[in-house]
Amino acid sequence: MRNVLGLIALFVIGLLVMPQGLALNANNFGIAVEVDGTEVPTANIFVDLTDATGNVIGEDVMYEDAAGVRYNVPSVSVEEGKEVEVKVVLETGSEAVKDIEVEAEINGYEYSDHESLSDSTPLFDMAANTRKTVKLNLELPVDLEKTVYWLYVRVSQHNSKELVSVVKLNVEPTRHGIAIDDVAFSPSNTIKAGRSLLTKVLLANYGDKDEEDVKVTATIPQLGLSATEYIDSVNTDEHNVDYDRVPEMFLPIPANAAAGDYQVVVTAEYDRFETVSKTYTVKVVADERFQPAGQETLVLAVGPEMQNIAAGKVGRYAIALTNAGQASKAYLLSATSGNGLTTTLSENLVVLGAGQNKVVYADVAVSADATPGAQTVPVAISANKELLETVNLGVTVSAAQAGDSANLRNGLEIALIVLVVVLIIIGVVIGFSRLRKDEDEGEEKTYY
């Protein structure tokens, strides 16, 4: 029995110490690296000290092959503002390799904490005797200094030493280079339909040559809008990026434009055949004057919403209608009667101008033989043959008692007081809305 337990223990210990994945090394895992078409070796690397700008102090960065021979790191010339493509070919031997990650990174950029110059793959596995190619892309900033930078290509695994390739990047200025540095919209990125969107563009010339007759266009393809301005000359600076502002461009948003997000495409054309574009998003708020049918701005107030009405008596409800829209509307009211209740409206058709309001009275008569209890009287309000609102008047039928007339009168007086307060509040809201509209229109006039 002891021997059996001992064998089991040895087996378990063997499982615990068994490697969970083949470690990366040059003997069982091969890689080949190309940077912009230049093949880069992978071997032991000796990196000498460099100064703050990446320049080597003393000897250059060297490779050492299996025989111990050292040779210089390969050098690749790249242009600022361009994309560097890194292609890595991986090949496994007779065993599978797990949890592989490939990363490319450029060191020495002053603003790397804000704009990372790196690209990497997620973790992946490779079966035995297979080959895999991964591509990484690094976008070089336009303000990259014309000097030497180091590009590191790393193939790593959590339980092994990484395989590294180092490339010296000689950054050269581009001959012709225009970038859209910034775009600002006024009054903001949110614009109301019927107003003009003011577009301000800032261009950056990071090339060696001055650019003449630069054409800048701002378009909103979804609305068929376009505005164009020309710049006679966008100058360059010998050592730094130079900036020029484009004359302001106006994009008049149609008054009937639907609410939603729209793409604004800004394009700069230069050096005859070169173009650069950037896309931005603006939000359009609909003009209430062009609201589709079924979205009328009707404001309702009811007082009271519930009453106790004795059998054989009549209760009165007040329904206040306010047209908070920008155009006149005709409203049709209809009430449903039944179950011992008969409803009469003081008006069935109400025409209200913009901002106007009116009170319609609904008299609910309870028959002498009506069943006591709670009931509901629906009052439908429609416009343009479409139902807008349904007001439910609550009725609690009770047995006839002395003093019902006085109670009814008191209830109606309370209802009218409530309605007066509601109408005052609605009037204040509409007044502020119109005041804000007038102020906005006054601001808009300054843009023309």
Protein backbone atom coordinates (compact mmCIF):
# COMPACT_ATOMS: atom_id res chain seq x y z
CA MET A 1 0.00 0.00 0.00
CA ARG A 2 2.82 2.38 0.88
CA ASN A 3 4.47 1.68 -2.46
CA VAL A 4 1.27 2.52 -4.30
CA LEU A 5 0.87 5.80 -2.40
CA GLY A 6 4.50 6.64 -3.10
CA LEU A 7 4.03 6.11 -6.83
CA ILE A 8 0.93 8.31 -6.83
CA ALA A 9 2.79 11.05 -4.99
CA LEU A 10 5.67 10.93 -7.48
CA PHE A 11 3.20 11.13 -10.36
CA VAL A 12 1.48 14.20 -8.87
CA ILE A 13 4.82 15.90 -8.23
CA GLY A 14 5.82 15.15 -11.80
CA LEU A 15 2.67 16.87 -13.07
CA LEU A 16 3.38 19.94 -10.94
CA VAL A 17 6.92 20.39 -12.20
CA MET A 18 6.09 19.56 -15.82
CA PRO A 19 6.50 22.66 -18.05
CA GLN A 20 3.18 24.21 -19.04
CA GLY A 21 4.40 25.47 -22.40
CA LEU A 22 7.54 25.43 -24.47
CA ALA A 23 9.78 28.39 -23.66
CA LEU A 24 10.86 30.67 -26.48
CA ASN A 25 14.44 30.36 -27.64
CA ALA A 26 16.31 30.59 -30.89
CA ASN A 27 16.65 26.78 -31.07
CA ASN A 28 12.96 25.81 -31.04
CA PHE A 29 11.28 29.01 -32.29
CA GLY A 30 12.27 30.95 -35.36
CA ILE A 31 11.34 34.57 -36.21
CA ALA A 32 12.04 36.80 -39.18
CA VAL A 33 11.43 40.56 -39.04
CA GLU A 34 10.97 43.10 -41.82
CA VAL A 35 10.64 46.86 -41.29
CA ASP A 36 9.36 48.67 -44.37
CA GLY A 37 10.76 45.82 -46.45
CA THR A 38 14.19 45.72 -44.74
CA GLU A 39 15.01 42.36 -43.13
CA VAL A 40 16.23 42.62 -39.54
CA PRO A 41 18.27 39.92 -37.72
CA THR A 42 17.36 38.56 -34.29
CA ALA A 43 20.21 37.67 -31.92
CA ASN A 44 21.85 38.72 -28.67
CA ILE A 45 21.92 42.51 -28.50
CA PHE A 46 24.42 44.81 -26.84
CA VAL A 47 23.07 48.32 -26.33
CA ASP A 48 25.50 51.05 -25.40
CA LEU A 49 24.56 54.14 -23.40
CA THR A 50 22.62 56.85 -25.23
CA ASP A 51 21.84 60.46 -24.41
CA ALA A 52 18.36 62.01 -23.92
CA THR A 53 17.79 62.38 -27.66
CA GLY A 54 18.64 58.76 -28.42
CA ASN A 55 22.12 59.44 -29.79
CA VAL A 56 24.67 56.79 -28.86
CA ILE A 57 27.44 57.85 -26.49
CA GLY A 58 30.47 55.83 -27.48
CA GLU A 59 29.99 52.65 -29.48
CA ASP A 60 26.92 51.91 -31.57
CA VAL A 61 24.27 49.32 -30.77
CA MET A 62 25.59 45.92 -31.87
CA TYR A 63 24.36 42.39 -32.57
CA GLU A 64 26.31 39.28 -31.63
CA ASP A 65 25.79 36.06 -33.58
CA ALA A 66 26.26 32.49 -32.36
CA ALA A 67 30.00 32.63 -33.13
CA GLY A 68 30.42 35.74 -30.98
CA VAL A 69 30.92 38.09 -33.92
CA ARG A 70 29.42 41.54 -33.44
CA TYR A 71 27.97 43.65 -36.22
CA ASN A 72 26.01 46.87 -36.51
CA VAL A 73 22.25 47.19 -36.12
CA PRO A 74 20.53 47.65 -39.50
CA SER A 75 19.34 51.14 -40.41
CA VAL A 76 16.08 52.08 -42.14
CA SER A 77 15.15 55.54 -43.46
CA VAL A 78 11.57 56.65 -42.80
CA GLU A 79 9.59 59.87 -43.37
CA GLU A 80 7.85 61.77 -40.60
CA GLY A 81 4.06 61.66 -40.78
CA LYS A 82 4.18 58.30 -42.56
CA GLU A 83 3.29 54.80 -41.44
CA VAL A 84 5.96 52.20 -40.65
CA GLU A 85 4.96 48.59 -41.32
CA VAL A 86 6.57 45.85 -39.25
CA LYS A 87 6.11 42.28 -40.48
CA VAL A 88 7.06 39.40 -38.19
CA VAL A 89 7.14 35.79 -39.43
CA LEU A 90 6.96 33.17 -36.63
CA GLU A 91 7.77 29.49 -37.05
CA THR A 92 7.52 26.73 -34.46
CA GLY A 93 9.53 23.52 -34.24
CA SER A 94 8.37 20.09 -33.17
CA GLU A 95 6.41 21.39 -30.16
CA ALA A 96 3.54 23.84 -29.75
CA VAL A 97 4.10 27.26 -28.15
CA LYS A 98 1.46 29.07 -26.10
CA ASP A 99 0.77 32.65 -24.95
CA ILE A 100 2.85 34.46 -27.55
CA GLU A 101 2.80 38.25 -27.85
CA VAL A 102 4.45 40.41 -30.51
CA GLU A 103 5.14 44.10 -29.91
CA ALA A 104 6.79 46.92 -31.86
CA GLU A 105 7.76 50.14 -30.08
CA ILE A 106 9.71 53.30 -30.91
CA ASN A 107 11.61 54.82 -28.01
CA GLY A 108 12.76 58.39 -27.55
CA TYR A 109 9.66 60.36 -28.63
CA GLU A 110 9.17 63.38 -26.36
CA TYR A 111 5.38 63.08 -26.14
CA SER A 112 5.11 59.30 -25.89
CA ASP A 113 3.11 59.62 -22.65
CA HIS A 114 0.32 61.28 -24.68
CA GLU A 115 0.80 59.62 -28.06
CA SER A 116 2.11 56.07 -27.89
CA LEU A 117 4.35 54.91 -30.73
CA SER A 118 3.70 51.21 -30.30
CA ASP A 119 1.54 48.38 -31.59
CA SER A 120 1.08 44.85 -30.31
CA THR A 121 -0.89 41.67 -30.84
CA PRO A 122 -3.15 39.92 -28.33
CA LEU A 123 -1.88 36.64 -26.88
CA PHE A 124 -2.08 33.70 -29.26
CA ASP A 125 -0.96 30.06 -29.50
CA MET A 126 0.83 28.21 -32.26
CA ALA A 127 0.75 24.50 -33.01
CA ALA A 128 3.91 22.52 -33.72
CA ASN A 129 5.57 22.88 -37.15
CA THR A 130 3.51 25.90 -38.21
CA ARG A 131 4.26 29.34 -39.58
CA LYS A 132 2.39 32.56 -38.79
CA THR A 133 2.82 36.12 -40.07
CA VAL A 134 1.71 39.14 -38.03
CA LYS A 135 1.78 42.77 -39.14
CA LEU A 136 2.13 45.79 -36.89
CA ASN A 137 1.78 49.43 -37.93
CA LEU A 138 3.24 52.53 -36.32
CA GLU A 139 2.07 56.01 -37.35
CA LEU A 140 4.94 58.49 -37.12
CA PRO A 141 3.91 61.94 -35.81
CA VAL A 142 4.44 64.95 -38.05
CA ASP A 143 6.46 66.69 -35.31
CA LEU A 144 8.97 63.88 -34.96
CA GLU A 145 12.47 65.37 -34.83
CA LYS A 146 14.82 64.70 -37.72
CA THR A 147 17.15 62.41 -35.82
CA VAL A 148 17.78 58.75 -34.96
CA TYR A 149 15.20 56.67 -33.09
CA TRP A 150 15.33 53.03 -31.97
CA LEU A 151 12.60 50.60 -32.98
CA TYR A 152 12.31 47.48 -30.80
CA VAL A 153 10.47 44.40 -32.04
CA ARG A 154 9.82 41.93 -29.23
CA VAL A 155 8.41 38.40 -29.32
CA SER A 156 7.70 37.36 -25.74
CA GLN A 157 6.07 34.76 -23.55
CA HIS A 158 5.26 34.89 -19.84
CA ASN A 159 7.68 32.10 -18.90
CA SER A 160 10.66 32.79 -21.16
CA LYS A 161 13.17 35.43 -22.19
CA GLU A 162 11.93 37.63 -25.02
CA LEU A 163 13.41 37.55 -28.51
CA VAL A 164 14.30 41.07 -29.62
CA SER A 165 15.16 42.81 -32.89
CA VAL A 166 16.43 46.39 -32.90
CA VAL A 167 16.27 48.75 -35.88
CA LYS A 168 17.81 52.20 -36.21
CA LEU A 169 15.26 54.57 -37.74
CA ASN A 170 16.69 57.55 -39.57
CA VAL A 171 13.80 60.01 -39.63
CA GLU A 172 13.81 62.23 -42.70
CA PRO A 173 11.54 65.20 -43.41
CA THR A 174 8.94 64.70 -46.10
CA ARG A 175 9.16 66.93 -49.15
CA HIS A 176 5.45 67.83 -49.23
CA GLY A 177 3.31 67.41 -46.11
CA ILE A 178 0.06 69.08 -45.02
CA ALA A 179 -1.93 67.94 -41.99
CA ILE A 180 -5.32 69.04 -40.61
CA ASP A 181 -4.17 69.95 -37.13
CA ASP A 182 -7.48 71.12 -35.63
CA VAL A 183 -11.11 71.83 -36.55
CA ALA A 184 -13.47 73.91 -34.39
CA PHE A 185 -17.22 74.42 -34.86
CA SER A 186 -19.23 77.46 -33.76
CA PRO A 187 -21.45 77.97 -31.88
CA SER A 188 -20.56 74.37 -30.86
CA ASN A 189 -20.70 70.75 -32.04
CA THR A 190 -24.47 70.94 -31.48
CA ILE A 191 -26.40 73.08 -33.95
CA LYS A 192 -30.11 73.79 -34.38
CA ALA A 193 -31.66 73.16 -37.79
CA GLY A 194 -32.11 76.40 -39.73
CA ARG A 195 -28.83 77.91 -38.52
CA SER A 196 -25.30 78.03 -39.94
CA LEU A 197 -22.44 75.91 -38.68
CA LEU A 198 -19.24 77.95 -38.65
CA THR A 199 -16.21 75.77 -39.42
CA LYS A 200 -12.67 76.85 -38.49
CA VAL A 201 -9.70 74.81 -39.76
CA LEU A 202 -6.04 74.95 -38.70
CA LEU A 203 -3.49 73.47 -41.14
CA ALA A 204 0.04 72.32 -40.34
CA ASN A 205 2.85 72.25 -42.90
CA TYR A 206 5.42 69.70 -41.76
CA GLY A 207 7.14 69.31 -45.14
CA ASP A 208 10.26 70.89 -46.57
CA LYS A 209 8.40 72.94 -49.18
CA ASP A 210 5.97 75.85 -49.01
CA GLU A 211 2.56 74.83 -50.37
CA GLU A 212 0.65 77.19 -52.65
CA ASP A 213 -3.04 77.29 -53.57
CA VAL A 214 -4.18 74.86 -50.89
CA LYS A 215 -7.86 74.01 -51.29
CA VAL A 216 -9.83 73.26 -48.11
CA THR A 217 -13.37 71.85 -48.25
CA ALA A 218 -15.88 71.11 -45.49
CA THR A 219 -18.85 68.91 -46.43
CA ILE A 220 -21.85 67.27 -44.77
CA PRO A 221 -22.63 64.53 -47.31
CA GLN A 222 -25.92 63.50 -45.66
CA LEU A 223 -27.33 67.00 -46.20
CA GLY A 224 -25.59 67.72 -49.51
CA LEU A 225 -23.76 70.72 -48.02
CA SER A 226 -20.30 71.94 -49.02
CA ALA A 227 -18.10 75.00 -48.42
CA THR A 228 -14.63 75.72 -49.89
CA GLU A 229 -11.81 78.15 -49.15
CA TYR A 230 -8.35 78.63 -50.70
CA ILE A 231 -5.06 79.58 -49.05
CA ASP A 232 -2.53 81.27 -51.29
CA SER A 233 0.46 79.89 -49.38
CA VAL A 234 1.08 77.64 -46.40
CA ASN A 235 4.69 78.30 -45.46
CA THR A 236 7.10 75.91 -43.83
CA ASP A 237 9.66 76.34 -41.09
CA GLU A 238 13.19 75.06 -41.35
CA HIS A 239 13.15 73.42 -37.94
CA ASN A 240 9.53 73.18 -36.78
CA VAL A 241 6.00 72.60 -38.01
CA ASP A 242 4.34 75.81 -39.27
CA TYR A 243 0.61 76.52 -38.89
CA ASP A 244 -1.91 78.52 -40.94
CA ARG A 245 -5.60 79.25 -40.34
CA VAL A 246 -8.15 78.73 -43.08
CA PRO A 247 -10.78 81.48 -43.61
CA GLU A 248 -14.03 80.61 -41.83
CA MET A 249 -16.48 78.44 -43.74
CA PHE A 250 -20.27 78.41 -43.27
CA LEU A 251 -22.48 75.34 -43.64
CA PRO A 252 -26.18 76.41 -43.53
CA ILE A 253 -28.17 73.59 -41.93
CA PRO A 254 -31.61 73.25 -43.60
CA ALA A 255 -34.51 74.25 -41.34
CA ASN A 256 -36.26 70.92 -42.00
CA ALA A 257 -33.18 68.77 -41.27
CA ALA A 258 -34.01 65.78 -39.07
CA ALA A 259 -32.48 65.62 -35.61
CA GLY A 260 -29.46 63.35 -35.27
CA ASP A 261 -25.70 63.01 -35.71
CA TYR A 262 -24.07 64.06 -38.98
CA GLN A 263 -20.54 63.55 -40.32
CA VAL A 264 -18.52 66.63 -41.30
CA VAL A 265 -15.65 65.76 -43.65
CA VAL A 266 -12.79 68.28 -43.88
CA THR A 267 -10.38 67.81 -46.80
CA ALA A 268 -7.21 69.67 -47.80
CA GLU A 269 -5.83 69.34 -51.34
CA TYR A 270 -2.23 70.39 -52.06
CA ASP A 271 0.77 69.74 -54.32
CA ARG A 272 -1.59 69.02 -57.24
CA PHE A 273 -2.38 65.40 -56.36
CA GLU A 274 -2.06 65.10 -52.56
CA THR A 275 -5.08 65.10 -50.22
CA VAL A 276 -5.64 64.66 -46.51
CA SER A 277 -9.03 64.30 -44.77
CA LYS A 278 -10.48 64.11 -41.29
CA THR A 279 -14.05 63.33 -40.21
CA TYR A 280 -15.90 64.91 -37.29
CA THR A 281 -19.40 64.49 -35.83
CA VAL A 282 -21.91 67.26 -35.13
CA LYS A 283 -25.35 66.94 -33.59
CA VAL A 284 -28.34 68.63 -35.23
CA VAL A 285 -31.34 69.58 -33.08
CA ALA A 286 -34.64 69.67 -34.97
CA ASP A 287 -36.51 72.93 -35.56
CA GLU A 288 -39.89 72.57 -33.81
CA ARG A 289 -41.59 74.39 -36.69
CA PHE A 290 -40.88 71.39 -38.91
CA GLN A 291 -41.85 68.61 -36.52
CA PRO A 292 -43.50 65.65 -38.22
CA ALA A 293 -47.19 64.94 -37.66
CA GLY A 294 -47.98 63.24 -34.38
CA GLN A 295 -45.39 65.22 -32.41
CA GLU A 296 -47.47 68.31 -31.65
CA THR A 297 -46.48 70.10 -28.47
CA LEU A 298 -49.78 69.91 -26.60
CA VAL A 299 -49.73 70.63 -22.86
CA LEU A 300 -52.68 69.42 -20.75
CA ALA A 301 -53.84 70.13 -17.23
CA VAL A 302 -56.93 68.63 -15.52
CA GLY A 303 -58.60 69.72 -12.31
CA PRO A 304 -59.74 67.80 -10.46
CA GLU A 305 -58.80 64.40 -11.87
CA MET A 306 -61.08 62.52 -9.40
CA GLN A 307 -64.48 63.48 -7.91
CA ASN A 308 -67.15 61.92 -5.70
CA ILE A 309 -70.51 62.41 -7.45
CA ALA A 310 -73.77 61.35 -5.85
CA ALA A 311 -76.39 59.46 -7.86
CA GLY A 312 -78.65 61.89 -9.71
CA LYS A 313 -76.07 64.72 -9.57
CA VAL A 314 -73.61 66.36 -11.99
CA GLY A 315 -69.85 66.85 -11.52
CA ARG A 316 -67.81 69.33 -13.50
CA TYR A 317 -64.17 68.86 -14.62
CA ALA A 318 -61.94 71.50 -16.18
CA ILE A 319 -59.47 70.52 -18.94
CA ALA A 320 -56.88 73.16 -19.88
CA LEU A 321 -55.26 72.85 -23.33
CA THR A 322 -52.10 74.80 -24.26
CA ASN A 323 -50.46 74.86 -27.70
CA ALA A 324 -46.74 75.16 -26.92
CA GLY A 325 -45.77 74.75 -30.58
CA GLN A 326 -44.89 77.33 -33.22
CA ALA A 327 -47.99 76.98 -35.44
CA SER A 328 -51.77 77.07 -34.97
CA LYS A 329 -53.49 73.75 -34.22
CA ALA A 330 -57.08 72.51 -34.24
CA TYR A 331 -57.90 70.00 -31.50
CA LEU A 332 -60.96 67.70 -31.52
CA LEU A 333 -62.31 66.46 -28.16
CA SER A 334 -64.69 63.53 -27.65
CA ALA A 335 -65.93 61.87 -24.46
CA THR A 336 -67.21 58.34 -23.86
CA SER A 337 -70.46 57.83 -21.91
CA GLY A 338 -72.00 54.73 -20.41
CA ASN A 339 -72.59 52.71 -17.24
CA GLY A 340 -75.02 55.31 -15.92
CA LEU A 341 -72.73 58.25 -16.75
CA THR A 342 -73.41 60.89 -19.39
CA THR A 343 -70.60 63.32 -20.35
CA THR A 344 -71.13 66.69 -22.03
CA LEU A 345 -68.25 68.89 -23.24
CA SER A 346 -68.52 72.68 -23.36
CA GLU A 347 -66.62 72.59 -26.69
CA ASN A 348 -65.73 69.76 -29.03
CA LEU A 349 -63.44 71.73 -31.36
CA VAL A 350 -60.73 74.06 -30.04
CA VAL A 351 -58.43 76.09 -32.31
CA LEU A 352 -55.34 77.49 -30.60
CA GLY A 353 -52.62 79.71 -31.99
CA ALA A 354 -48.97 79.28 -30.99
CA GLY A 355 -48.69 79.73 -27.22
CA GLN A 356 -52.44 80.07 -26.66
CA ASN A 357 -54.50 78.11 -24.13
CA LYS A 358 -58.16 77.45 -23.33
CA VAL A 359 -60.26 75.63 -20.73
CA VAL A 360 -62.89 73.08 -21.80
CA TYR A 361 -65.45 71.90 -19.21
CA ALA A 362 -66.65 68.33 -19.01
CA ASP A 363 -69.97 67.84 -17.11
CA VAL A 364 -70.45 64.24 -15.96
CA ALA A 365 -74.08 63.46 -15.04
CA VAL A 366 -74.69 60.39 -12.83
CA SER A 367 -78.08 58.72 -13.28
CA ALA A 368 -80.24 58.01 -10.22
CA ASP A 369 -79.85 54.25 -10.72
CA ALA A 370 -76.09 54.25 -11.37
CA THR A 371 -74.15 51.52 -9.57
CA PRO A 372 -72.05 52.94 -6.68
CA GLY A 373 -68.28 52.62 -7.05
CA ALA A 374 -65.30 53.92 -9.05
CA GLN A 375 -65.53 54.51 -12.80
CA THR A 376 -63.48 56.25 -15.51
CA VAL A 377 -64.67 58.62 -18.23
CA PRO A 378 -62.15 58.82 -21.13
CA VAL A 379 -61.83 62.10 -23.06
CA ALA A 380 -59.86 61.73 -26.31
CA ILE A 381 -57.96 64.68 -27.85
CA SER A 382 -56.81 64.43 -31.46
CA ALA A 383 -55.35 66.62 -34.21
CA ASN A 384 -54.97 65.96 -37.93
CA LYS A 385 -56.97 62.73 -37.44
CA GLU A 386 -54.32 61.38 -35.05
CA LEU A 387 -54.89 60.68 -31.36
CA LEU A 388 -52.64 62.88 -29.22
CA GLU A 389 -53.78 62.31 -25.66
CA THR A 390 -56.48 60.55 -23.64
CA VAL A 391 -57.57 62.17 -20.37
CA ASN A 392 -59.20 59.81 -17.86
CA LEU A 393 -61.67 61.54 -15.54
CA GLY A 394 -62.15 59.62 -12.30
CA VAL A 395 -65.70 59.29 -10.90
CA THR A 396 -66.69 57.68 -7.61
CA VAL A 397 -70.46 57.18 -7.60
CA SER A 398 -72.08 57.45 -4.17
CA ALA A 399 -75.62 57.54 -2.79
CA ALA A 400 -77.42 60.91 -2.83
CA GLN A 401 -76.87 63.00 0.33
CA ALA A 402 -77.91 66.43 1.56
CA GLY A 403 -75.45 69.17 0.80
CA ASP A 404 -74.22 67.66 -2.45
CA SER A 405 -74.71 70.97 -4.33
CA ALA A 406 -72.46 72.82 -1.89
CA ASN A 407 -69.80 70.09 -2.11
CA LEU A 408 -69.95 70.23 -5.89
CA ARG A 409 -69.53 73.99 -5.90
CA ASN A 410 -66.58 73.84 -3.50
CA GLY A 411 -64.93 71.13 -5.57
CA LEU A 412 -65.33 73.18 -8.76
CA GLU A 413 -63.88 76.26 -7.09
CA ILE A 414 -60.81 74.25 -6.03
CA ALA A 415 -60.51 72.85 -9.56
CA LEU A 416 -60.53 76.34 -11.07
CA ILE A 417 -57.88 77.57 -8.63
CA VAL A 418 -55.63 74.63 -9.57
CA LEU A 419 -56.13 75.32 -13.26
CA VAL A 420 -55.30 79.02 -12.87
CA VAL A 421 -52.00 78.13 -11.17
CA VAL A 422 -51.19 75.56 -13.88
CA LEU A 423 -51.94 78.03 -16.66
CA ILE A 424 -49.69 80.65 -15.04
CA ILE A 425 -46.82 78.13 -14.86
CA ILE A 426 -47.36 77.10 -18.50
CA GLY A 427 -47.35 80.76 -19.56
CA VAL A 428 -44.05 81.37 -17.76
CA VAL A 429 -42.46 78.29 -19.40
CA ILE A 430 -43.60 79.35 -22.88
CA GLY A 431 -42.40 82.92 -22.24
CA PHE A 432 -38.92 81.75 -21.27
CA SER A 433 -38.80 79.43 -24.29
CA ARG A 434 -39.61 82.27 -26.65
CA LEU A 435 -37.14 84.58 -24.94
CA ARG A 436 -34.39 81.99 -25.33
CA LYS A 437 -35.37 81.49 -28.99
CA ASP A 438 -35.13 85.27 -29.63
CA GLU A 439 -31.71 85.41 -27.95
CA ASP A 440 -30.46 82.45 -30.01
CA GLU A 441 -31.70 84.06 -33.22
CA GLY A 442 -29.96 87.29 -32.21
CA GLU A 443 -26.69 85.42 -31.72
CA GLU A 444 -27.15 83.67 -35.04
CA LYS A 445 -27.32 86.98 -36.88
CA THR A 446 -23.74 87.74 -35.86
CA TYR A 447 -22.50 84.83 -37.98
CA TYR A 448 -23.63 86.23 -41.32
